[in-house]
């Protein structure tokens, strides 16, 4: 079965870029949470009952970060995840806001 947005066209490329941005945003968010809690990746691995290498894979951004992986992190940290869809600005453009931590992750807001 073909999925139209997964094609090689501009819509597929845009979806790939948006997915990569979301993955970076999620990994930056998790790293920030670990820092606030004075926790290491090894601490998170113990809570998740996985190897530290697995946590590094999840947080590296190299893997296709899944909702299941994010849910496992949230469950280990006793947190909920909130996902929101927002309308773009009226002109259809999206405004980039850096996270201010030197990373290349961005939050897209209307």
Protein backbone atom coordinates (compact mmCIF):
# COMPACT_ATOMS: atom_id res chain seq x y z
CA UNK A 1 0.00 0.00 0.00
CA UNK A 2 1.40 3.38 -0.98
CA UNK A 3 1.31 6.25 1.50
CA UNK A 4 1.13 9.52 -0.48
CA UNK A 5 3.00 11.70 2.03
CA UNK A 6 5.89 9.22 2.14
CA UNK A 7 6.71 9.79 -1.51
CA UNK A 8 9.73 11.58 -2.90
CA UNK A 9 7.81 14.79 -3.63
CA UNK A 10 7.81 18.00 -1.64
CA UNK A 11 5.08 16.79 0.74
CA UNK A 12 7.12 13.69 1.62
CA UNK A 13 10.27 15.74 2.10
CA UNK A 14 8.38 18.23 4.27
CA UNK A 15 7.01 15.39 6.39
CA UNK A 16 10.51 13.93 6.78
CA UNK A 17 11.90 17.31 7.87
CA UNK A 18 9.03 17.90 10.27
CA UNK A 19 9.53 14.42 11.75
CA UNK A 20 13.23 15.07 12.26
CA UNK A 21 12.47 18.39 13.98
CA UNK A 22 9.94 16.73 16.28
CA UNK A 23 12.43 13.98 17.16
CA UNK A 24 15.10 16.59 17.99
CA UNK A 25 12.62 18.55 20.06
CA UNK A 26 11.63 15.42 21.99
CA UNK A 27 15.21 14.37 22.67
CA UNK A 28 16.16 17.90 23.81
CA UNK A 29 13.11 17.89 26.09
CA UNK A 30 14.08 14.53 27.63
CA UNK A 31 17.68 15.66 28.11
CA UNK A 32 16.38 18.79 29.84
CA UNK A 33 14.17 16.72 32.13
CA UNK A 34 17.10 14.49 33.05
CA UNK A 35 19.18 17.56 33.83
CA UNK A 36 16.46 19.11 36.00
CA UNK A 37 16.18 15.84 37.92
CA UNK A 38 19.97 15.48 38.15
CA UNK A 39 19.66 12.12 36.40
CA UNK A 40 22.00 10.42 33.95
CA UNK A 41 21.12 8.31 30.94
CA UNK A 42 22.17 5.31 33.02
CA UNK A 43 19.61 6.32 35.66
CA UNK A 44 16.93 6.50 32.99
CA UNK A 45 18.01 3.12 31.62
CA UNK A 46 17.57 1.55 35.06
CA UNK A 47 14.09 3.05 35.37
CA UNK A 48 13.17 1.81 31.88
CA UNK A 49 14.76 -1.60 32.48
CA UNK A 50 16.84 -1.27 29.31
CA UNK A 51 20.56 -0.94 28.64
CA UNK A 52 22.22 2.49 28.76
CA UNK A 53 23.03 1.91 25.09
CA UNK A 54 19.32 1.67 24.31
CA UNK A 55 18.68 5.00 26.03
CA UNK A 56 21.53 6.52 24.03
CA UNK A 57 19.92 5.19 20.83
CA UNK A 58 16.60 6.75 21.78
CA UNK A 59 18.16 10.11 22.66
CA UNK A 60 20.67 10.26 19.81
CA UNK A 61 18.16 11.27 17.19
CA UNK A 62 19.67 8.66 14.86
CA UNK A 63 16.80 6.24 15.22
CA UNK A 64 13.27 6.75 14.02
CA UNK A 65 11.92 7.90 17.36
CA UNK A 66 8.57 6.24 17.96
CA UNK A 67 5.64 7.22 20.12
CA UNK A 68 6.17 3.91 21.93
CA UNK A 69 9.77 4.93 22.79
CA UNK A 70 8.59 8.31 24.05
CA UNK A 71 5.83 6.64 26.06
CA UNK A 72 8.39 4.32 27.66
CA UNK A 73 10.51 7.31 28.67
CA UNK A 74 7.46 9.13 30.05
CA UNK A 75 6.33 6.05 31.96
CA UNK A 76 9.80 5.62 33.50
CA UNK A 77 9.86 9.28 34.57
CA UNK A 78 6.24 9.12 35.81
CA UNK A 79 5.15 11.79 33.34
CA UNK A 80 2.38 12.25 30.80
CA UNK A 81 2.95 13.36 27.21
CA UNK A 82 0.84 16.08 25.64
CA UNK A 83 0.64 16.38 21.87
CA UNK A 84 -1.02 19.43 20.38
CA UNK A 85 -1.81 20.37 16.82
CA UNK A 86 -1.99 24.11 16.21
CA UNK A 87 -3.11 26.19 13.28
CA UNK A 88 -0.35 27.87 11.27
CA UNK A 89 -0.15 31.64 11.10
CA UNK A 90 -2.71 33.19 8.77
CA UNK A 91 -0.18 33.66 5.97
CA UNK A 92 0.55 29.92 6.11
CA UNK A 93 4.14 30.43 7.24
CA UNK A 94 5.49 28.91 10.40
CA UNK A 95 7.69 30.85 12.74
CA UNK A 96 10.86 29.16 13.98
CA UNK A 97 11.85 29.68 17.59
CA UNK A 98 15.12 28.19 18.72
CA UNK A 99 15.11 26.49 22.09
CA UNK A 100 17.93 28.77 23.21
CA UNK A 101 20.18 25.92 24.29
CA UNK A 102 22.53 25.97 21.31
CA UNK A 103 20.84 22.96 19.71
CA UNK A 104 19.30 23.00 16.27
CA UNK A 105 15.90 21.94 17.65
CA UNK A 106 12.96 24.23 17.05
CA UNK A 107 9.46 24.63 18.36
CA UNK A 108 6.93 25.61 15.72
CA UNK A 109 4.24 27.92 16.93
CA UNK A 110 1.50 29.84 15.21
